[in-house]
Amino acid sequence: MENIWIAADDLRASFASAMSAMYQQEVPQYGTLLTLVEQVNNEVLEREPALKQQLDATDELRRLSVERHGAIRVGTAAELAMLRQIFAIMGMQPVGYYDLSQAGVPVHSTAFRPVGDRALKNNPFRLFTSLLRLELIDDATLRARAEAILAARDIFTPRCRELVNLHQQQGGFNAEQAQDFIAEALETFRWHTQTRVDSNTYNALSQQHRLIADVVCFAGCHINHLTPRTLDIDRVQALMPQVGITPKAIIEGPPRRRVPLLLRQTSFKALEEPVRFTDRLEGTHTARFGEIEQRGAALTVKGRQLYDELLTKAGLNSDNVTHQQQLAAVFSAFPDDARTLRTQGLAWFSWQVTEKGLAHPDAFHPAADREKLIDEGCLIATPIVYEDFLPVSAAGIFQSNLGGAEQARAHGNASQQAFEAALGSAVVSEFSLYQQKEQESLRRCGLAR
């Protein structure tokens, strides 16, 4: 009898659901946040029927309620390479390279996520995965101590390793093996109150950078945040205090716009949680929090350059109202209508022939005037949703939850080559994925060869 393998999309969906349930149990405020986001999303959809119709037509509505991204941090190349194999089983590939050392955070990162259209629609779960850069620890003795601690641990259960090998040998999991795999993989990301170091070592690593202590001192790479997707991040930010959640000071990313861009995100402050050290002393550790994201259009290289210039020009303000006003003023230089975004080549779009257009097949050819076809009601162009992360925003979220002036010391040079060597594969360019998606939609319409 032929084996029936569980699809990677189904594995990913089950894993994401299990991780969310575990995190809600570990961090009850995250469950409160999910409820608040769902409430705000329902209000927006009721208030804006046209938006609901657009989301429904592009399958965005169906995936909104299951939208999650998470973040983890690992300490060694071997841990990163093993995670790549685990995530590959769930149909997740490493996309993009992020050098957060430029913002004073001693890691570089990628995002494991599905890349195909169908996979993203089925379940878009992503995990932002950071590798600690031990070379940025300037104290040689402390660096050697951290290396020894990391070398002595295994963040994966023996059964998890067995199952990864089994999947590679037989090419899939049956239902029982899939359930077993999800349970075993989840153990890697569980929170541990017991550290693997004494209090002096913890304090020394924490003084170097709190994120170093977070990565080195525990038995696993605990999930440090999960993130639901909202349709109105400003509203969620305003309502968080009413449900007993203290939001971070400002919303990261671009300002509120008619055509949302890239990614906006905020979070509640990281929890101060009790921990026990190996010398039997007790203390607290601050790492885990809940985040909210609002996604917009993916930008072309040209659009991203303009975005980066304007974001740098806008700078930061200490309170969110002032910050958003400053952002809005500076970003008035970034076109805020879909037609200009298309004609100036600033954002990626997905193209679709309408019912009316199907009656005029001769109008669709590579030299056709796309904007005219849109005006005539023969063609629709929908902004492609940005599925990735912003280095500045990611670093900002890390900084706001780690805090402290000492963070600025951890500054290094980008090294994508070294990261890929640790990963055991190249990372996929996010820009190439968006370009490919737009070109495929144009070809389907007969507007490109």
Protein backbone atom coordinates (compact mmCIF):
# COMPACT_ATOMS: atom_id res chain seq x y z
CA MET A 1 0.00 0.00 0.00
CA GLU A 2 1.37 3.40 -0.99
CA ASN A 3 2.12 5.85 1.83
CA ILE A 4 -0.01 8.99 2.01
CA TRP A 5 2.25 11.85 3.09
CA ILE A 6 0.98 14.90 4.96
CA ALA A 7 1.44 18.03 2.82
CA ALA A 8 4.07 20.57 3.91
CA ASP A 9 1.40 23.29 4.04
CA ASP A 10 -0.65 21.22 6.47
CA LEU A 11 2.40 20.52 8.62
CA ARG A 12 3.19 24.25 8.73
CA ALA A 13 -0.39 25.14 9.64
CA SER A 14 -0.49 22.57 12.44
CA PHE A 15 2.90 23.69 13.75
CA ALA A 16 1.92 27.38 13.73
CA SER A 17 -1.31 26.58 15.56
CA ALA A 18 0.52 24.48 18.16
CA MET A 19 3.11 27.21 18.69
CA SER A 20 0.40 29.84 19.14
CA ALA A 21 -1.40 27.69 21.71
CA MET A 22 1.86 27.10 23.61
CA TYR A 23 2.74 30.80 23.57
CA GLN A 24 -0.71 31.86 24.79
CA GLN A 25 -0.28 29.46 27.70
CA GLU A 26 3.22 30.76 28.48
CA VAL A 27 2.40 34.46 27.88
CA PRO A 28 -1.32 35.02 28.67
CA GLN A 29 -1.12 38.66 27.50
CA TYR A 30 -0.57 37.33 23.98
CA GLY A 31 -4.01 35.69 24.09
CA THR A 32 -5.49 39.03 25.14
CA LEU A 33 -3.70 40.67 22.23
CA LEU A 34 -5.14 38.13 19.75
CA THR A 35 -8.66 38.87 20.98
CA LEU A 36 -8.10 42.62 20.62
CA VAL A 37 -6.70 42.29 17.10
CA GLU A 38 -9.65 40.12 16.02
CA GLN A 39 -12.08 42.71 17.41
CA VAL A 40 -10.37 45.58 15.54
CA ASN A 41 -10.20 43.57 12.30
CA ASN A 42 -13.93 42.81 12.48
CA GLU A 43 -14.68 46.51 13.04
CA VAL A 44 -12.61 47.50 10.00
CA LEU A 45 -14.24 44.89 7.75
CA GLU A 46 -17.71 45.98 8.85
CA ARG A 47 -16.83 49.65 8.27
CA GLU A 48 -15.12 49.13 4.90
CA PRO A 49 -17.07 46.64 2.73
CA ALA A 50 -14.94 47.49 -0.33
CA LEU A 51 -11.80 46.45 1.55
CA LYS A 52 -13.49 43.24 2.67
CA GLN A 53 -14.45 42.49 -0.94
CA GLN A 54 -10.89 43.13 -2.15
CA LEU A 55 -9.37 40.93 0.57
CA ASP A 56 -11.88 38.19 -0.20
CA ALA A 57 -11.17 38.33 -3.95
CA THR A 58 -7.41 37.92 -3.39
CA ASP A 59 -7.73 35.22 -0.68
CA GLU A 60 -6.24 37.66 1.86
CA LEU A 61 -9.37 37.52 4.01
CA ARG A 62 -9.14 33.76 4.50
CA ARG A 63 -5.59 33.89 5.75
CA LEU A 64 -5.97 37.02 7.90
CA SER A 65 -7.15 35.16 10.99
CA VAL A 66 -4.32 32.62 10.82
CA GLU A 67 -1.63 35.19 10.08
CA ARG A 68 1.36 34.80 12.38
CA HIS A 69 5.00 35.47 12.39
CA GLY A 70 7.41 34.61 15.11
CA ALA A 71 11.02 35.26 16.03
CA ILE A 72 13.74 33.09 17.49
CA ARG A 73 17.48 33.42 18.11
CA VAL A 74 20.12 30.69 17.94
CA GLY A 75 23.73 30.56 19.05
CA THR A 76 25.60 28.35 16.58
CA ALA A 77 25.89 27.51 12.92
CA ALA A 78 24.91 23.91 13.69
CA GLU A 79 21.68 25.04 15.35
CA LEU A 80 20.83 27.27 12.40
CA ALA A 81 21.55 24.51 9.87
CA MET A 82 19.34 22.05 11.76
CA LEU A 83 16.50 24.59 11.88
CA ARG A 84 16.80 24.98 8.10
CA GLN A 85 16.15 21.24 7.74
CA ILE A 86 13.21 21.33 10.16
CA PHE A 87 11.58 24.28 8.41
CA ALA A 88 12.17 22.75 4.98
CA ILE A 89 9.91 19.86 6.05
CA MET A 90 7.19 22.49 6.62
CA GLY A 91 7.74 24.14 3.24
CA MET A 92 9.63 27.14 4.61
CA GLN A 93 12.71 28.54 2.87
CA PRO A 94 15.22 31.14 4.07
CA VAL A 95 14.29 34.46 2.43
CA GLY A 96 16.33 37.65 2.77
CA TYR A 97 19.41 38.61 4.75
CA TYR A 98 19.17 41.10 7.61
CA ASP A 99 22.22 42.60 9.32
CA LEU A 100 20.92 43.87 12.65
CA SER A 101 24.41 44.65 13.96
CA GLN A 102 24.04 47.94 12.08
CA ALA A 103 21.45 48.87 14.70
CA GLY A 104 23.53 47.66 17.61
CA VAL A 105 22.00 44.17 17.86
CA PRO A 106 24.71 41.44 17.65
CA VAL A 107 22.91 39.10 15.24
CA HIS A 108 22.25 38.57 11.56
CA SER A 109 19.10 36.94 10.36
CA THR A 110 16.84 35.46 7.72
CA ALA A 111 13.11 34.73 7.55
CA PHE A 112 12.00 31.15 7.03
CA ARG A 113 8.72 31.26 5.13
CA PRO A 114 6.71 29.70 2.30
CA VAL A 115 7.46 31.27 -1.09
CA GLY A 116 4.83 30.02 -3.54
CA ASP A 117 1.46 31.69 -4.05
CA ARG A 118 -0.54 28.63 -3.09
CA ALA A 119 1.61 27.93 -0.03
CA LEU A 120 1.27 31.53 1.19
CA LYS A 121 -2.49 31.40 0.76
CA ASN A 122 -2.73 28.10 2.61
CA ASN A 123 -0.68 29.31 5.56
CA PRO A 124 1.79 32.22 5.53
CA PHE A 125 3.56 31.44 8.82
CA ARG A 126 7.05 32.94 8.97
CA LEU A 127 9.82 32.66 11.54
CA PHE A 128 12.40 35.44 11.73
CA THR A 129 15.54 33.56 12.75
CA SER A 130 18.65 35.29 14.09
CA LEU A 131 22.15 33.87 14.55
CA LEU A 132 24.24 35.30 17.37
CA ARG A 133 27.51 36.88 16.23
CA LEU A 134 29.89 35.81 18.99
CA GLU A 135 32.75 37.68 17.32
CA LEU A 136 31.06 40.89 18.47
CA ILE A 137 31.74 40.00 22.13
CA ASP A 138 34.85 42.10 22.76
CA ASP A 139 35.91 40.26 25.95
CA ALA A 140 37.89 37.22 24.70
CA THR A 141 37.46 35.25 27.96
CA LEU A 142 33.71 35.84 28.01
CA ARG A 143 33.46 34.96 24.31
CA ALA A 144 35.23 31.64 24.93
CA ARG A 145 32.91 30.95 27.86
CA ALA A 146 29.84 31.61 25.70
CA GLU A 147 31.19 29.34 22.95
CA ALA A 148 31.73 26.52 25.46
CA ILE A 149 28.22 26.86 26.90
CA LEU A 150 26.67 26.74 23.43
CA ALA A 151 28.83 23.80 22.34
CA ALA A 152 27.62 21.75 25.32
CA ARG A 153 23.89 22.02 24.59
CA ASP A 154 21.51 20.42 22.10
CA ILE A 155 18.33 22.42 21.60
CA PHE A 156 16.67 19.58 19.66
CA THR A 157 15.24 16.43 21.21
CA PRO A 158 16.77 13.12 20.07
CA ARG A 159 13.39 12.13 18.64
CA CYS A 160 13.19 15.37 16.65
CA ARG A 161 16.55 14.57 15.06
CA GLU A 162 15.38 11.01 14.31
CA LEU A 163 12.25 12.30 12.60
CA VAL A 164 14.16 14.79 10.46
CA ASN A 165 16.40 11.96 9.28
CA LEU A 166 13.35 9.76 8.66
CA HIS A 167 11.69 12.46 6.56
CA GLN A 168 14.83 12.85 4.48
CA GLN A 169 15.01 9.09 3.93
CA GLN A 170 11.39 8.38 3.04
CA GLY A 171 10.38 11.73 1.55
CA GLY A 172 7.47 12.55 3.85
CA PHE A 173 5.53 11.86 7.05
CA ASN A 174 2.36 9.87 7.54
CA ALA A 175 -0.28 11.29 9.89
CA GLU A 176 1.14 9.69 13.03
CA GLN A 177 4.71 10.75 12.22
CA ALA A 178 3.56 14.28 11.40
CA GLN A 179 1.87 14.62 14.79
CA ASP A 180 4.98 13.27 16.49
CA PHE A 181 7.22 15.68 14.55
CA ILE A 182 5.18 18.76 15.50
CA ALA A 183 5.26 17.84 19.19
CA GLU A 184 9.01 17.17 19.16
CA ALA A 185 9.89 20.27 17.11
CA LEU A 186 7.80 22.43 19.44
CA GLU A 187 10.03 21.45 22.38
CA THR A 188 12.88 23.42 20.79
CA PHE A 189 10.90 26.66 21.23
CA ARG A 190 9.53 26.12 24.73
CA TRP A 191 10.35 28.53 27.56
CA HIS A 192 12.61 27.31 30.39
CA THR A 193 12.76 29.09 33.76
CA GLN A 194 15.90 27.12 34.66
CA THR A 195 19.03 28.55 33.04
CA ARG A 196 22.15 26.56 32.11
CA VAL A 197 24.54 29.03 33.76
CA ASP A 198 25.29 30.52 37.17
CA SER A 199 24.21 34.03 38.07
CA ASN A 200 27.67 35.55 37.56
CA THR A 201 27.93 34.21 34.00
CA TYR A 202 24.42 35.39 33.22
CA ASN A 203 25.15 38.88 34.54
CA ALA A 204 28.45 39.12 32.64
CA LEU A 205 26.81 38.10 29.34
CA SER A 206 23.85 40.38 30.01
CA GLN A 207 26.14 43.34 30.62
CA GLN A 208 27.82 42.68 27.27
CA HIS A 209 24.35 42.64 25.62
CA ARG A 210 21.06 41.34 26.99
CA LEU A 211 20.35 39.47 23.79
CA ILE A 212 23.59 37.49 24.20
CA ALA A 213 22.39 36.30 27.60
CA ASP A 214 19.02 35.41 26.09
CA VAL A 215 20.61 33.20 23.42
CA VAL A 216 23.39 31.58 25.45
CA CYS A 217 21.94 30.95 28.89
CA PHE A 218 18.91 28.75 28.19
CA ALA A 219 18.25 25.18 27.07
CA GLY A 220 16.45 26.08 23.84
CA CYS A 221 15.77 28.90 21.40
CA HIS A 222 12.50 29.91 23.04
CA ILE A 223 10.06 31.78 20.85
CA ASN A 224 10.47 35.43 21.87
CA HIS A 225 7.38 36.77 20.15
CA LEU A 226 4.45 35.90 17.91
CA THR A 227 2.60 38.41 15.77
CA PRO A 228 -1.01 38.56 14.55
CA ARG A 229 -1.85 40.74 11.55
CA THR A 230 -4.19 43.70 11.95
CA LEU A 231 -5.99 45.91 9.45
CA ASP A 232 -5.64 48.99 11.70
CA ILE A 233 -2.50 49.06 13.81
CA ASP A 234 -3.15 52.61 15.05
CA ARG A 235 -6.46 51.49 16.55
CA VAL A 236 -4.85 48.46 18.24
CA GLN A 237 -2.07 50.66 19.65
CA ALA A 238 -4.67 53.05 21.11
CA LEU A 239 -6.78 50.24 22.64
CA MET A 240 -3.98 48.16 24.17
CA PRO A 241 -3.92 50.05 27.52
CA GLN A 242 -7.68 49.50 27.88
CA VAL A 243 -7.14 45.73 28.03
CA GLY A 244 -4.21 45.97 30.46
CA ILE A 245 -1.40 45.89 27.88
CA THR A 246 1.32 48.54 27.79
CA PRO A 247 2.36 49.24 24.17
CA LYS A 248 5.85 50.27 23.16
CA ALA A 249 6.29 53.98 22.60
CA ILE A 250 6.00 54.20 18.80
CA ILE A 251 4.72 52.23 15.81
CA GLU A 252 7.68 51.16 13.64
CA GLY A 253 7.76 51.51 9.86
CA PRO A 254 6.00 53.87 7.44
CA PRO A 255 3.07 56.16 8.35
CA ARG A 256 -0.62 55.42 7.86
CA ARG A 257 -1.48 55.77 4.15
CA ARG A 258 -4.27 55.17 1.64
CA VAL A 259 -2.05 52.55 -0.01
CA PRO A 260 -0.18 50.85 2.88
CA LEU A 261 3.51 50.15 2.30
CA LEU A 262 5.69 47.27 3.43
CA LEU A 263 5.20 46.66 7.14
CA ARG A 264 4.15 48.57 10.23
CA GLN A 265 4.59 46.94 13.62
CA THR A 266 4.29 47.58 17.31
CA SER A 267 4.41 45.42 20.44
CA PHE A 268 3.87 45.29 24.15
CA LYS A 269 6.90 45.61 26.37
CA ALA A 270 8.85 42.44 27.06
CA LEU A 271 7.87 40.62 30.25
CA GLU A 272 10.16 40.45 33.26
CA GLU A 273 10.07 36.73 34.08
CA PRO A 274 11.54 34.81 37.04
CA VAL A 275 14.47 32.49 36.31
CA ARG A 276 16.68 30.16 38.38
CA PHE A 277 20.44 29.90 37.98
CA THR A 278 22.63 26.84 38.45
CA ASP A 279 24.08 28.32 41.69
CA ARG A 280 20.52 28.18 43.09
CA LEU A 281 20.09 31.93 43.06
CA GLU A 282 16.98 33.43 41.50
CA GLY A 283 16.64 36.39 39.19
CA THR A 284 14.61 37.80 36.32
CA HIS A 285 14.98 37.73 32.54
CA THR A 286 13.41 40.06 29.99
CA ALA A 287 12.94 38.74 26.45
CA ARG A 288 9.44 37.70 25.47
CA PHE A 289 6.68 39.95 24.17
CA GLY A 290 3.72 40.17 21.80
CA GLU A 291 3.83 42.05 18.52
CA ILE A 292 1.24 43.28 15.99
CA GLU A 293 1.83 43.87 12.30
CA GLN A 294 0.00 45.63 9.48
CA ARG A 295 1.19 44.66 6.01
CA GLY A 296 1.14 46.72 2.84
CA ALA A 297 2.52 46.67 -0.69
CA ALA A 298 5.88 45.10 -1.55
CA LEU A 299 8.24 47.73 -2.97
CA THR A 300 10.59 47.43 -5.92
CA VAL A 301 14.29 48.21 -5.47
CA LYS A 302 13.52 51.78 -6.60
CA GLY A 303 10.62 52.05 -4.17
CA ARG A 304 12.68 50.61 -1.32
CA GLN A 305 15.47 53.13 -1.92
CA LEU A 306 12.98 55.99 -1.69
CA TYR A 307 11.42 54.45 1.41
CA ASP A 308 14.82 54.09 3.13
CA GLU A 309 15.76 57.69 2.29
CA LEU A 310 12.51 59.06 3.71
CA LEU A 311 12.60 56.88 6.82
CA THR A 312 16.14 58.06 7.58
CA LYS A 313 15.09 61.67 7.00
CA ALA A 314 12.08 61.32 9.32
CA GLY A 315 14.18 60.06 12.24
CA LEU A 316 12.62 59.06 15.56
CA ASN A 317 10.51 60.85 18.14
CA SER A 318 9.87 59.80 21.70
CA ASP A 319 6.06 59.78 21.48
CA ASN A 320 3.95 58.09 18.83
CA VAL A 321 1.72 61.06 17.92
CA THR A 322 4.68 63.30 17.13
CA HIS A 323 6.48 60.48 15.37
CA GLN A 324 3.53 59.65 13.11
CA GLN A 325 3.01 63.33 12.25
CA GLN A 326 6.67 63.68 11.31
CA LEU A 327 6.54 60.49 9.24
CA ALA A 328 3.40 61.62 7.42
CA ALA A 329 5.00 64.96 6.56
CA VAL A 330 8.21 63.40 5.23
CA PHE A 331 6.40 60.58 3.39
CA SER A 332 4.27 63.07 1.46
CA ALA A 333 7.13 62.70 -1.04
CA PHE A 334 6.17 59.04 -1.57
CA PRO A 335 3.19 58.69 -3.97
CA ASP A 336 0.07 57.45 -2.22
CA ASP A 337 -2.07 56.24 -5.11
CA ALA A 338 -1.84 52.91 -6.88
CA ARG A 339 -1.57 54.37 -10.39
CA THR A 340 1.52 56.43 -9.59
CA LEU A 341 3.09 53.53 -7.71
CA ARG A 342 2.64 51.45 -10.87
CA THR A 343 3.69 54.03 -13.46
CA GLN A 344 6.77 55.07 -11.48
CA GLY A 345 7.75 51.46 -10.80
CA LEU A 346 7.75 51.85 -7.02
CA ALA A 347 5.71 48.78 -6.00
CA TRP A 348 4.96 45.28 -7.27
CA PHE A 349 1.46 44.42 -8.52
CA SER A 350 -0.49 41.31 -9.42
CA TRP A 351 -2.46 41.67 -12.68
CA GLN A 352 -5.76 40.01 -13.58
CA VAL A 353 -8.09 40.18 -16.60
CA THR A 354 -11.69 41.06 -15.71
CA GLU A 355 -14.85 39.49 -17.15
CA LYS A 356 -15.10 42.46 -19.50
CA GLY A 357 -11.46 42.00 -20.53
CA LEU A 358 -12.03 38.34 -21.37
CA ALA A 359 -14.39 39.51 -24.15
CA HIS A 360 -11.54 41.47 -25.76
CA PRO A 361 -8.57 39.05 -25.95
CA ASP A 362 -6.91 41.02 -28.76
CA ALA A 363 -6.40 43.97 -26.40
CA PHE A 364 -3.90 41.97 -24.32
CA HIS A 365 -0.35 41.88 -25.65
CA PRO A 366 3.09 42.95 -24.32
CA ALA A 367 2.86 46.42 -25.90
CA ALA A 368 -0.64 47.15 -24.56
CA ASP A 369 -1.30 50.25 -22.46
CA ARG A 370 -1.98 48.67 -19.07
CA GLU A 371 -3.35 51.82 -17.47
CA LYS A 372 -5.79 52.28 -20.33
CA LEU A 373 -6.98 48.69 -19.89
CA ILE A 374 -7.54 49.41 -16.20
CA ASP A 375 -9.48 52.58 -17.02
CA GLU A 376 -11.65 50.60 -19.44
CA GLY A 377 -12.47 48.04 -16.76
CA CYS A 378 -10.66 45.24 -18.59
CA LEU A 379 -7.77 44.79 -16.15
CA ILE A 380 -7.23 44.84 -12.39
CA ALA A 381 -3.90 45.48 -10.66
CA THR A 382 -3.67 44.61 -6.95
CA PRO A 383 -0.61 45.50 -4.83
CA ILE A 384 1.37 42.40 -3.91
CA VAL A 385 1.43 41.97 -0.13
CA TYR A 386 4.87 42.34 1.44
CA GLU A 387 5.69 38.99 3.07
CA ASP A 388 9.03 39.87 4.64
CA PHE A 389 10.60 42.09 7.29
CA LEU A 390 12.28 45.47 7.57
CA PRO A 391 15.80 45.53 9.01
CA VAL A 392 15.17 48.90 10.65
CA SER A 393 11.80 47.86 12.05
CA ALA A 394 13.08 44.48 13.21
CA ALA A 395 15.99 46.12 14.97
CA GLY A 396 13.68 48.75 16.42
CA ILE A 397 11.41 46.13 17.95
CA PHE A 398 14.45 44.31 19.40
CA GLN A 399 15.86 47.56 20.79
CA SER A 400 12.60 48.74 22.31
CA ASN A 401 12.25 45.48 24.20
CA LEU A 402 15.88 45.09 25.21
CA GLY A 403 16.61 48.76 25.84
CA GLY A 404 19.67 50.37 27.28
CA ALA A 405 22.48 52.50 25.90
CA GLU A 406 24.88 49.57 26.09
CA GLN A 407 23.20 48.07 23.02
CA ALA A 408 25.06 50.46 20.72
CA ARG A 409 28.34 48.63 21.36
CA ALA A 410 27.33 45.58 19.32
CA HIS A 411 28.15 46.94 15.90
CA GLY A 412 29.68 44.81 13.16
CA ASN A 413 30.00 44.46 9.42
CA ALA A 414 27.40 42.64 7.36
CA SER A 415 28.46 39.16 6.33
CA GLN A 416 25.85 37.43 4.21
CA GLN A 417 28.47 34.98 2.97
CA ALA A 418 29.31 33.88 6.52
CA PHE A 419 25.62 33.61 7.39
CA GLU A 420 24.91 31.43 4.35
CA ALA A 421 27.88 29.23 5.21
CA ALA A 422 26.39 28.69 8.68
CA LEU A 423 22.94 28.12 7.22
CA GLY A 424 24.20 25.56 4.73
CA SER A 425 22.47 27.21 1.77
CA ALA A 426 21.97 30.53 0.03
CA VAL A 427 19.11 32.78 1.10
CA VAL A 428 16.45 33.60 -1.47
CA SER A 429 16.22 37.23 -2.63
CA GLU A 430 12.84 38.66 -1.63
CA PHE A 431 13.00 41.14 -4.52
CA SER A 432 13.33 38.32 -7.04
CA LEU A 433 10.26 36.59 -5.57
CA TYR A 434 8.07 39.69 -5.95
CA GLN A 435 9.36 40.38 -9.46
CA GLN A 436 8.68 36.78 -10.45
CA LYS A 437 5.14 36.97 -9.05
CA GLU A 438 4.35 40.13 -11.01
CA GLN A 439 5.85 38.75 -14.24
CA GLU A 440 3.87 35.52 -13.95
CA SER A 441 0.63 37.48 -13.50
CA LEU A 442 1.46 39.62 -16.56
CA ARG A 443 2.14 36.50 -18.62
CA ARG A 444 -1.19 34.99 -17.60
CA CYS A 445 -2.87 38.16 -18.86
CA GLY A 446 -0.93 38.04 -22.15
CA LEU A 447 0.85 41.28 -21.21
CA ALA A 448 4.35 39.75 -21.09
CA ARG A 449 6.17 36.90 -22.77
